[in-house]
Amino acid sequence: MKYADHLPLHRQEAIFERSGVRIARSTLADWVGTCGAQLQPLVDALRQEVLSHSVLHADETPITYMHHKKGKTQRGYFWVYAPGAYEQMKAVIYDFKPGRSGAHAREFLGDWRGSLMCDDYAGYKALFADEQVIEGGCWAHARRKFHDIYQANGSSVAEQALQQIQRLYHYEAEARNLSPPERLAHRQRHMEPALKQLERWLRSQFELVPPNSAIAKAIRYSLNNWLALTRLLEDAQLPMDNNA
């Protein structure tokens, strides 16, 4: 009830009491704590398994929780990690933290080395400073910025950007079930020319649109993250986006 239905222990205490079963909230809390302690080895093993992969997805999702000392709710985060979409193992591990500082990601990953698929959130940037962790850019985030503009005002520039990004996803769909060497060769043969064309087009359009406009910001996002967005041309195991 606590985890599946987000039902606090004080409400469960009242529900049980209405049924004639008196279980003190402190007892319920002890049970929760005991379960956490018993499950910790499983969590540690899962973390070790996830970190054994060279490509990971990462994201952070806000959640409201009750701070036990302040006696009021505040925002925390589930930091979520999973092996890359092309890895054999399918798993997700959640790391709850009271904030969104990038230090939480560095603490979880420790001395892990590999390619991390994430969005452009600044909290991850310190991981990439020494190039021990390689940043994989998310095309879904780049696409979303153009999609929102097109939905809002039917921008022809946004529409053309969406069409070109759709081509990239089409090529990736063709290569999805290929072996890693075949997938990489397919990307380099088909996607690389399309990416070069898209980059040239983005740079030319950036010179034509108002510098502070929404479309300029969307173009700037893609160009600023271009190195990360094109790393899939070097690593067959790196997916196109963080959707997984």
C-alpha atoms as a PDB file:
ATOM      1  CA  MET A   1       0.000   0.000   0.000  1.00  0.00           C
ATOM      2  CA  LYS A   2       2.844   2.377   0.814  1.00  0.00           C
ATOM      3  CA  TYR A   3       4.712   1.883  -2.463  1.00  0.00           C
ATOM      4  CA  ALA A   4       2.078   0.681  -4.929  1.00  0.00           C
ATOM      5  CA  ASP A   5      -0.581   3.196  -3.816  1.00  0.00           C
ATOM      6  CA  HIS A   6       1.595   5.915  -2.192  1.00  0.00           C
ATOM      7  CA  LEU A   7      -0.437   5.478   0.992  1.00  0.00           C
ATOM      8  CA  PRO A   8       1.309   6.940   4.090  1.00  0.00           C
ATOM      9  CA  LEU A   9       1.701   4.779   7.156  1.00  0.00           C
ATOM     10  CA  HIS A  10      -0.530   6.990   9.328  1.00  0.00           C
ATOM     11  CA  ARG A  11      -3.430   6.362   6.925  1.00  0.00           C
ATOM     12  CA  GLN A  12      -2.743   2.637   6.902  1.00  0.00           C
ATOM     13  CA  GLU A  13      -2.735   2.698  10.697  1.00  0.00           C
ATOM     14  CA  ALA A  14      -6.263   4.193  10.671  1.00  0.00           C
ATOM     15  CA  ILE A  15      -7.504   1.725   8.034  1.00  0.00           C
ATOM     16  CA  PHE A  16      -6.273  -1.259  10.037  1.00  0.00           C
ATOM     17  CA  GLU A  17      -7.794   0.123  13.231  1.00  0.00           C
ATOM     18  CA  ARG A  18     -11.223   0.436  11.558  1.00  0.00           C
ATOM     19  CA  SER A  19     -10.923  -3.258  10.791  1.00  0.00           C
ATOM     20  CA  GLY A  20     -10.223  -4.039  14.455  1.00  0.00           C
ATOM     21  CA  VAL A  21      -6.481  -4.526  13.980  1.00  0.00           C
ATOM     22  CA  ARG A  22      -4.316  -2.184  15.998  1.00  0.00           C
ATOM     23  CA  ILE A  23      -0.806  -1.858  14.558  1.00  0.00           C
ATOM     24  CA  ALA A  24       1.199   1.083  15.818  1.00  0.00           C
ATOM     25  CA  ARG A  25       2.657   3.370  13.200  1.00  0.00           C
ATOM     26  CA  SER A  26       6.098   2.830  14.753  1.00  0.00           C
ATOM     27  CA  THR A  27       5.692  -0.914  14.114  1.00  0.00           C
ATOM     28  CA  LEU A  28       4.742  -0.284  10.497  1.00  0.00           C
ATOM     29  CA  ALA A  29       7.796   1.959  10.150  1.00  0.00           C
ATOM     30  CA  ASP A  30      10.000  -0.769  11.627  1.00  0.00           C
ATOM     31  CA  TRP A  31       8.641  -3.233   9.050  1.00  0.00           C
ATOM     32  CA  VAL A  32       9.406  -0.812   6.203  1.00  0.00           C
ATOM     33  CA  GLY A  33      12.920  -0.242   7.539  1.00  0.00           C
ATOM     34  CA  THR A  34      13.525  -3.973   7.931  1.00  0.00           C
ATOM     35  CA  CYS A  35      12.376  -4.599   4.360  1.00  0.00           C
ATOM     36  CA  GLY A  36      14.764  -1.913   3.132  1.00  0.00           C
ATOM     37  CA  ALA A  37      17.673  -3.471   5.012  1.00  0.00           C
ATOM     38  CA  GLN A  38      16.837  -6.968   3.737  1.00  0.00           C
ATOM     39  CA  LEU A  39      16.567  -5.760   0.127  1.00  0.00           C
ATOM     40  CA  GLN A  40      19.750  -3.650   0.149  1.00  0.00           C
ATOM     41  CA  PRO A  41      21.997  -6.527  -1.064  1.00  0.00           C
ATOM     42  CA  LEU A  42      19.671  -6.967  -4.045  1.00  0.00           C
ATOM     43  CA  VAL A  43      19.881  -3.242  -4.814  1.00  0.00           C
ATOM     44  CA  ASP A  44      23.679  -3.360  -4.550  1.00  0.00           C
ATOM     45  CA  ALA A  45      23.827  -6.351  -6.896  1.00  0.00           C
ATOM     46  CA  LEU A  46      21.523  -4.637  -9.394  1.00  0.00           C
ATOM     47  CA  ARG A  47      23.674  -1.497  -9.328  1.00  0.00           C
ATOM     48  CA  GLN A  48      26.777  -3.604  -9.979  1.00  0.00           C
ATOM     49  CA  GLU A  49      25.082  -5.335 -12.909  1.00  0.00           C
ATOM     50  CA  VAL A  50      23.844  -2.073 -14.423  1.00  0.00           C
ATOM     51  CA  LEU A  51      27.280  -0.468 -14.101  1.00  0.00           C
ATOM     52  CA  SER A  52      28.904  -3.434 -15.867  1.00  0.00           C
ATOM     53  CA  HIS A  53      27.569  -2.057 -19.179  1.00  0.00           C
ATOM     54  CA  SER A  54      29.460   0.435 -21.305  1.00  0.00           C
ATOM     55  CA  VAL A  55      26.341   2.381 -22.357  1.00  0.00           C
ATOM     56  CA  LEU A  56      23.817   3.712 -19.846  1.00  0.00           C
ATOM     57  CA  HIS A  57      20.685   5.840 -19.891  1.00  0.00           C
ATOM     58  CA  ALA A  58      20.207   8.411 -17.119  1.00  0.00           C
ATOM     59  CA  ASP A  59      17.392  10.753 -16.181  1.00  0.00           C
ATOM     60  CA  GLU A  60      15.963  12.362 -13.074  1.00  0.00           C
ATOM     61  CA  THR A  61      12.287  12.604 -12.173  1.00  0.00           C
ATOM     62  CA  PRO A  62      10.863  14.904  -9.474  1.00  0.00           C
ATOM     63  CA  ILE A  63       8.758  13.524  -6.638  1.00  0.00           C
ATOM     64  CA  THR A  64       7.174  15.176  -3.610  1.00  0.00           C
ATOM     65  CA  TYR A  65       8.110  13.596  -0.278  1.00  0.00           C
ATOM     66  CA  MET A  66       7.594  14.320   3.400  1.00  0.00           C
ATOM     67  CA  HIS A  67      10.753  15.566   5.097  1.00  0.00           C
ATOM     68  CA  HIS A  68      10.817  13.787   8.449  1.00  0.00           C
ATOM     69  CA  LYS A  69      12.640  16.596  10.280  1.00  0.00           C
ATOM     70  CA  LYS A  70      10.971  19.636   8.713  1.00  0.00           C
ATOM     71  CA  GLY A  71       7.492  18.118   8.966  1.00  0.00           C
ATOM     72  CA  LYS A  72       6.496  19.329   5.515  1.00  0.00           C
ATOM     73  CA  THR A  73       6.647  18.176   1.937  1.00  0.00           C
ATOM     74  CA  GLN A  74       9.416  19.141  -0.437  1.00  0.00           C
ATOM     75  CA  ARG A  75      10.734  18.133  -3.837  1.00  0.00           C
ATOM     76  CA  GLY A  76      13.119  15.238  -4.209  1.00  0.00           C
ATOM     77  CA  TYR A  77      14.260  13.260  -7.228  1.00  0.00           C
ATOM     78  CA  PHE A  78      14.413   9.703  -8.433  1.00  0.00           C
ATOM     79  CA  TRP A  79      17.641   9.447 -10.400  1.00  0.00           C
ATOM     80  CA  VAL A  80      17.011   6.647 -12.881  1.00  0.00           C
ATOM     81  CA  TYR A  81      19.638   4.508 -14.604  1.00  0.00           C
ATOM     82  CA  ALA A  82      19.314   1.697 -17.144  1.00  0.00           C
ATOM     83  CA  PRO A  83      21.600  -0.193 -19.539  1.00  0.00           C
ATOM     84  CA  GLY A  84      21.608   1.174 -23.083  1.00  0.00           C
ATOM     85  CA  ALA A  85      18.687   0.293 -25.345  1.00  0.00           C
ATOM     86  CA  TYR A  86      20.941  -2.015 -27.395  1.00  0.00           C
ATOM     87  CA  GLU A  87      22.345  -3.840 -24.363  1.00  0.00           C
ATOM     88  CA  GLN A  88      21.139  -7.387 -23.691  1.00  0.00           C
ATOM     89  CA  MET A  89      20.178  -6.727 -20.084  1.00  0.00           C
ATOM     90  CA  LYS A  90      16.884  -4.899 -19.477  1.00  0.00           C
ATOM     91  CA  ALA A  91      16.864  -3.311 -16.043  1.00  0.00           C
ATOM     92  CA  VAL A  92      16.106  -0.046 -14.268  1.00  0.00           C
ATOM     93  CA  ILE A  93      17.484   1.136 -10.953  1.00  0.00           C
ATOM     94  CA  TYR A  94      16.113   4.112  -9.015  1.00  0.00           C
ATOM     95  CA  ASP A  95      18.315   6.173  -6.717  1.00  0.00           C
ATOM     96  CA  PHE A  96      16.271   8.540  -4.545  1.00  0.00           C
ATOM     97  CA  LYS A  97      17.987  11.791  -3.576  1.00  0.00           C
ATOM     98  CA  PRO A  98      16.632  14.957  -1.913  1.00  0.00           C
ATOM     99  CA  GLY A  99      17.888  17.204  -4.721  1.00  0.00           C
ATOM    100  CA  ARG A 100      18.993  17.535  -8.333  1.00  0.00           C
ATOM    101  CA  SER A 101      22.676  18.260  -7.835  1.00  0.00           C
ATOM    102  CA  GLY A 102      24.959  16.575 -10.337  1.00  0.00           C
ATOM    103  CA  ALA A 103      26.953  15.275  -7.374  1.00  0.00           C
ATOM    104  CA  HIS A 104      24.266  12.606  -6.923  1.00  0.00           C
ATOM    105  CA  ALA A 105      24.940  11.191 -10.395  1.00  0.00           C
ATOM    106  CA  ARG A 106      28.697  11.246  -9.766  1.00  0.00           C
ATOM    107  CA  GLU A 107      28.187   9.452  -6.452  1.00  0.00           C
ATOM    108  CA  PHE A 108      26.069   6.709  -8.036  1.00  0.00           C
ATOM    109  CA  LEU A 109      28.324   6.139 -11.047  1.00  0.00           C
ATOM    110  CA  GLY A 110      31.533   6.221  -9.025  1.00  0.00           C
ATOM    111  CA  ASP A 111      34.480   5.199 -11.209  1.00  0.00           C
ATOM    112  CA  TRP A 112      32.256   3.883 -14.023  1.00  0.00           C
ATOM    113  CA  ARG A 113      33.556   4.530 -17.541  1.00  0.00           C
ATOM    114  CA  GLY A 114      31.454   4.471 -20.675  1.00  0.00           C
ATOM    115  CA  SER A 115      28.903   6.440 -22.711  1.00  0.00           C
ATOM    116  CA  LEU A 116      26.015   8.088 -20.866  1.00  0.00           C
ATOM    117  CA  MET A 117      22.821   8.873 -22.769  1.00  0.00           C
ATOM    118  CA  CYS A 118      21.141  11.876 -21.133  1.00  0.00           C
ATOM    119  CA  ASP A 119      19.615  15.261 -21.833  1.00  0.00           C
ATOM    120  CA  ASP A 120      21.492  18.564 -21.719  1.00  0.00           C
ATOM    121  CA  TYR A 121      20.977  19.053 -17.975  1.00  0.00           C
ATOM    122  CA  ALA A 122      23.990  20.874 -16.519  1.00  0.00           C
ATOM    123  CA  GLY A 123      24.208  18.464 -13.583  1.00  0.00           C
ATOM    124  CA  TYR A 124      25.743  15.804 -15.822  1.00  0.00           C
ATOM    125  CA  LYS A 125      28.390  18.062 -17.354  1.00  0.00           C
ATOM    126  CA  ALA A 126      31.018  17.532 -14.650  1.00  0.00           C
ATOM    127  CA  LEU A 127      31.017  13.825 -15.552  1.00  0.00           C
ATOM    128  CA  PHE A 128      32.205  14.648 -19.057  1.00  0.00           C
ATOM    129  CA  ALA A 129      34.947  17.113 -18.115  1.00  0.00           C
ATOM    130  CA  ASP A 130      37.778  14.542 -17.999  1.00  0.00           C
ATOM    131  CA  GLU A 131      36.311  12.510 -20.905  1.00  0.00           C
ATOM    132  CA  GLN A 132      36.235   9.340 -18.785  1.00  0.00           C
ATOM    133  CA  VAL A 133      32.468   9.402 -19.362  1.00  0.00           C
ATOM    134  CA  ILE A 134      31.337  10.160 -22.915  1.00  0.00           C
ATOM    135  CA  GLU A 135      28.167  12.196 -23.458  1.00  0.00           C
ATOM    136  CA  GLY A 136      25.519  10.780 -25.778  1.00  0.00           C
ATOM    137  CA  GLY A 137      23.059  13.395 -27.042  1.00  0.00           C
ATOM    138  CA  CYS A 138      19.314  12.739 -27.127  1.00  0.00           C
ATOM    139  CA  TRP A 139      17.616  13.396 -30.467  1.00  0.00           C
ATOM    140  CA  ALA A 140      14.184  13.226 -28.831  1.00  0.00           C
ATOM    141  CA  HIS A 141      15.067  16.344 -26.813  1.00  0.00           C
ATOM    142  CA  ALA A 142      16.394  18.146 -29.886  1.00  0.00           C
ATOM    143  CA  ARG A 143      13.318  17.164 -31.890  1.00  0.00           C
ATOM    144  CA  ARG A 144      10.892  18.217 -29.143  1.00  0.00           C
ATOM    145  CA  LYS A 145      11.993  21.833 -29.315  1.00  0.00           C
ATOM    146  CA  PHE A 146      11.137  22.034 -33.027  1.00  0.00           C
ATOM    147  CA  HIS A 147       7.930  20.039 -32.508  1.00  0.00           C
ATOM    148  CA  ASP A 148       6.674  22.464 -29.839  1.00  0.00           C
ATOM    149  CA  ILE A 149       7.292  25.422 -32.146  1.00  0.00           C
ATOM    150  CA  TYR A 150       5.569  23.727 -35.068  1.00  0.00           C
ATOM    151  CA  GLN A 151       2.584  22.850 -32.879  1.00  0.00           C
ATOM    152  CA  ALA A 152       2.371  26.443 -31.650  1.00  0.00           C
ATOM    153  CA  ASN A 153       2.584  28.382 -34.906  1.00  0.00           C
ATOM    154  CA  GLY A 154       3.156  26.021 -37.840  1.00  0.00           C
ATOM    155  CA  SER A 155       6.686  27.323 -38.438  1.00  0.00           C
ATOM    156  CA  SER A 156       8.000  26.174 -41.821  1.00  0.00           C
ATOM    157  CA  VAL A 157      11.565  26.126 -40.467  1.00  0.00           C
ATOM    158  CA  ALA A 158      10.498  23.860 -37.598  1.00  0.00           C
ATOM    159  CA  GLU A 159       8.620  21.654 -40.052  1.00  0.00           C
ATOM    160  CA  GLN A 160      11.698  21.252 -42.249  1.00  0.00           C
ATOM    161  CA  ALA A 161      13.796  20.407 -39.191  1.00  0.00           C
ATOM    162  CA  LEU A 162      11.272  17.750 -38.149  1.00  0.00           C
ATOM    163  CA  GLN A 163      11.321  16.220 -41.613  1.00  0.00           C
ATOM    164  CA  GLN A 164      15.099  15.926 -41.581  1.00  0.00           C
ATOM    165  CA  ILE A 165      15.152  14.453 -38.078  1.00  0.00           C
ATOM    166  CA  GLN A 166      12.477  11.983 -39.198  1.00  0.00           C
ATOM    167  CA  ARG A 167      14.902  10.781 -41.876  1.00  0.00           C
ATOM    168  CA  LEU A 168      17.468  10.060 -39.178  1.00  0.00           C
ATOM    169  CA  TYR A 169      14.937   7.977 -37.231  1.00  0.00           C
ATOM    170  CA  HIS A 170      14.022   6.146 -40.441  1.00  0.00           C
ATOM    171  CA  TYR A 171      17.645   5.123 -40.985  1.00  0.00           C
ATOM    172  CA  GLU A 172      17.956   4.064 -37.347  1.00  0.00           C
ATOM    173  CA  ALA A 173      14.812   1.928 -37.633  1.00  0.00           C
ATOM    174  CA  GLU A 174      16.359   0.144 -40.625  1.00  0.00           C
ATOM    175  CA  ALA A 175      19.484  -0.634 -38.589  1.00  0.00           C
ATOM    176  CA  ARG A 176      17.850  -1.510 -35.281  1.00  0.00           C
ATOM    177  CA  ASN A 177      18.010  -5.307 -35.669  1.00  0.00           C
ATOM    178  CA  LEU A 178      21.426  -5.439 -37.323  1.00  0.00           C
ATOM    179  CA  SER A 179      24.566  -6.614 -35.557  1.00  0.00           C
ATOM    180  CA  PRO A 180      26.622  -3.790 -33.998  1.00  0.00           C
ATOM    181  CA  PRO A 181      29.210  -3.681 -36.828  1.00  0.00           C
ATOM    182  CA  GLU A 182      26.429  -3.725 -39.432  1.00  0.00           C
ATOM    183  CA  ARG A 183      24.471  -1.059 -37.563  1.00  0.00           C
ATOM    184  CA  LEU A 184      27.502   1.209 -37.395  1.00  0.00           C
ATOM    185  CA  ALA A 185      28.234   0.714 -41.102  1.00  0.00           C
ATOM    186  CA  HIS A 186      24.599   1.476 -41.961  1.00  0.00           C
ATOM    187  CA  ARG A 187      24.681   4.648 -39.891  1.00  0.00           C
ATOM    188  CA  GLN A 188      27.903   5.824 -41.495  1.00  0.00           C
ATOM    189  CA  ARG A 189      26.616   5.071 -44.979  1.00  0.00           C
ATOM    190  CA  HIS A 190      23.156   6.632 -44.650  1.00  0.00           C
ATOM    191  CA  MET A 191      22.903   8.716 -41.496  1.00  0.00           C
ATOM    192  CA  GLU A 192      26.254  10.502 -41.657  1.00  0.00           C
ATOM    193  CA  PRO A 193      25.505  12.314 -44.954  1.00  0.00           C
ATOM    194  CA  ALA A 194      22.051  13.239 -43.644  1.00  0.00           C
ATOM    195  CA  LEU A 195      23.583  14.628 -40.453  1.00  0.00           C
ATOM    196  CA  LYS A 196      26.098  16.719 -42.381  1.00  0.00           C
ATOM    197  CA  GLN A 197      23.285  18.088 -44.512  1.00  0.00           C
ATOM    198  CA  LEU A 198      21.212  18.864 -41.429  1.00  0.00           C
ATOM    199  CA  GLU A 199      24.100  20.656 -39.742  1.00  0.00           C
ATOM    200  CA  ARG A 200      24.714  22.848 -42.798  1.00  0.00           C
ATOM    201  CA  TRP A 201      21.017  23.628 -43.010  1.00  0.00           C
ATOM    202  CA  LEU A 202      20.769  24.497 -39.299  1.00  0.00           C
ATOM    203  CA  ARG A 203      23.732  26.864 -39.530  1.00  0.00           C
ATOM    204  CA  SER A 204      22.292  28.586 -42.585  1.00  0.00           C
ATOM    205  CA  GLN A 205      18.869  28.985 -40.969  1.00  0.00           C
ATOM    206  CA  PHE A 206      20.403  30.303 -37.765  1.00  0.00           C
ATOM    207  CA  GLU A 207      21.751  33.257 -39.729  1.00  0.00           C
ATOM    208  CA  LEU A 208      18.277  34.070 -41.056  1.00  0.00           C
ATOM    209  CA  VAL A 209      16.066  33.906 -37.961  1.00  0.00           C
ATOM    210  CA  PRO A 210      15.823  36.525 -35.152  1.00  0.00           C
ATOM    211  CA  PRO A 211      18.547  35.668 -32.607  1.00  0.00           C
ATOM    212  CA  ASN A 212      16.230  35.669 -29.576  1.00  0.00           C
ATOM    213  CA  SER A 213      13.340  33.821 -31.218  1.00  0.00           C
ATOM    214  CA  ALA A 214      12.123  30.384 -30.149  1.00  0.00           C
ATOM    215  CA  ILE A 215      13.289  28.843 -33.421  1.00  0.00           C
ATOM    216  CA  ALA A 216      16.774  30.315 -32.889  1.00  0.00           C
ATOM    217  CA  LYS A 217      16.889  28.732 -29.433  1.00  0.00           C
ATOM    218  CA  ALA A 218      15.832  25.362 -30.870  1.00  0.00           C
ATOM    219  CA  ILE A 219      18.539  25.544 -33.535  1.00  0.00           C
ATOM    220  CA  ARG A 220      21.114  26.684 -30.979  1.00  0.00           C
ATOM    221  CA  TYR A 221      20.275  23.705 -28.746  1.00  0.00           C
ATOM    222  CA  SER A 222      21.030  21.247 -31.545  1.00  0.00           C
ATOM    223  CA  LEU A 223      24.211  22.986 -32.664  1.00  0.00           C
ATOM    224  CA  ASN A 224      25.534  23.387 -29.121  1.00  0.00           C
ATOM    225  CA  ASN A 225      25.019  19.657 -28.549  1.00  0.00           C
ATOM    226  CA  TRP A 226      26.103  18.535 -32.016  1.00  0.00           C
ATOM    227  CA  LEU A 227      29.147  16.558 -30.883  1.00  0.00           C
ATOM    228  CA  ALA A 228      27.049  14.562 -28.411  1.00  0.00           C
ATOM    229  CA  LEU A 229      24.202  14.147 -30.915  1.00  0.00           C
ATOM    230  CA  THR A 230      26.525  12.651 -33.538  1.00  0.00           C
ATOM    231  CA  ARG A 231      28.470  10.272 -31.325  1.00  0.00           C
ATOM    232  CA  LEU A 232      26.209   7.445 -32.490  1.00  0.00           C
ATOM    233  CA  LEU A 233      28.333   7.495 -35.669  1.00  0.00           C
ATOM    234  CA  GLU A 234      31.249   6.206 -33.556  1.00  0.00           C
ATOM    235  CA  ASP A 235      29.481   3.723 -31.257  1.00  0.00           C
ATOM    236  CA  ALA A 236      26.924   1.220 -32.558  1.00  0.00           C
ATOM    237  CA  GLN A 237      25.659   0.572 -29.015  1.00  0.00           C
ATOM    238  CA  LEU A 238      24.737   4.207 -28.463  1.00  0.00           C
ATOM    239  CA  PRO A 239      21.006   4.731 -29.193  1.00  0.00           C
ATOM    240  CA  MET A 240      19.503   7.811 -30.841  1.00  0.00           C
ATOM    241  CA  ASP A 241      17.666   9.052 -27.783  1.00  0.00           C
ATOM    242  CA  ASN A 242      16.936   8.588 -24.109  1.00  0.00           C
ATOM    243  CA  ASN A 243      13.384   7.340 -24.602  1.00  0.00           C
ATOM    244  CA  ALA A 244      14.191   3.867 -23.338  1.00  0.00           C
END
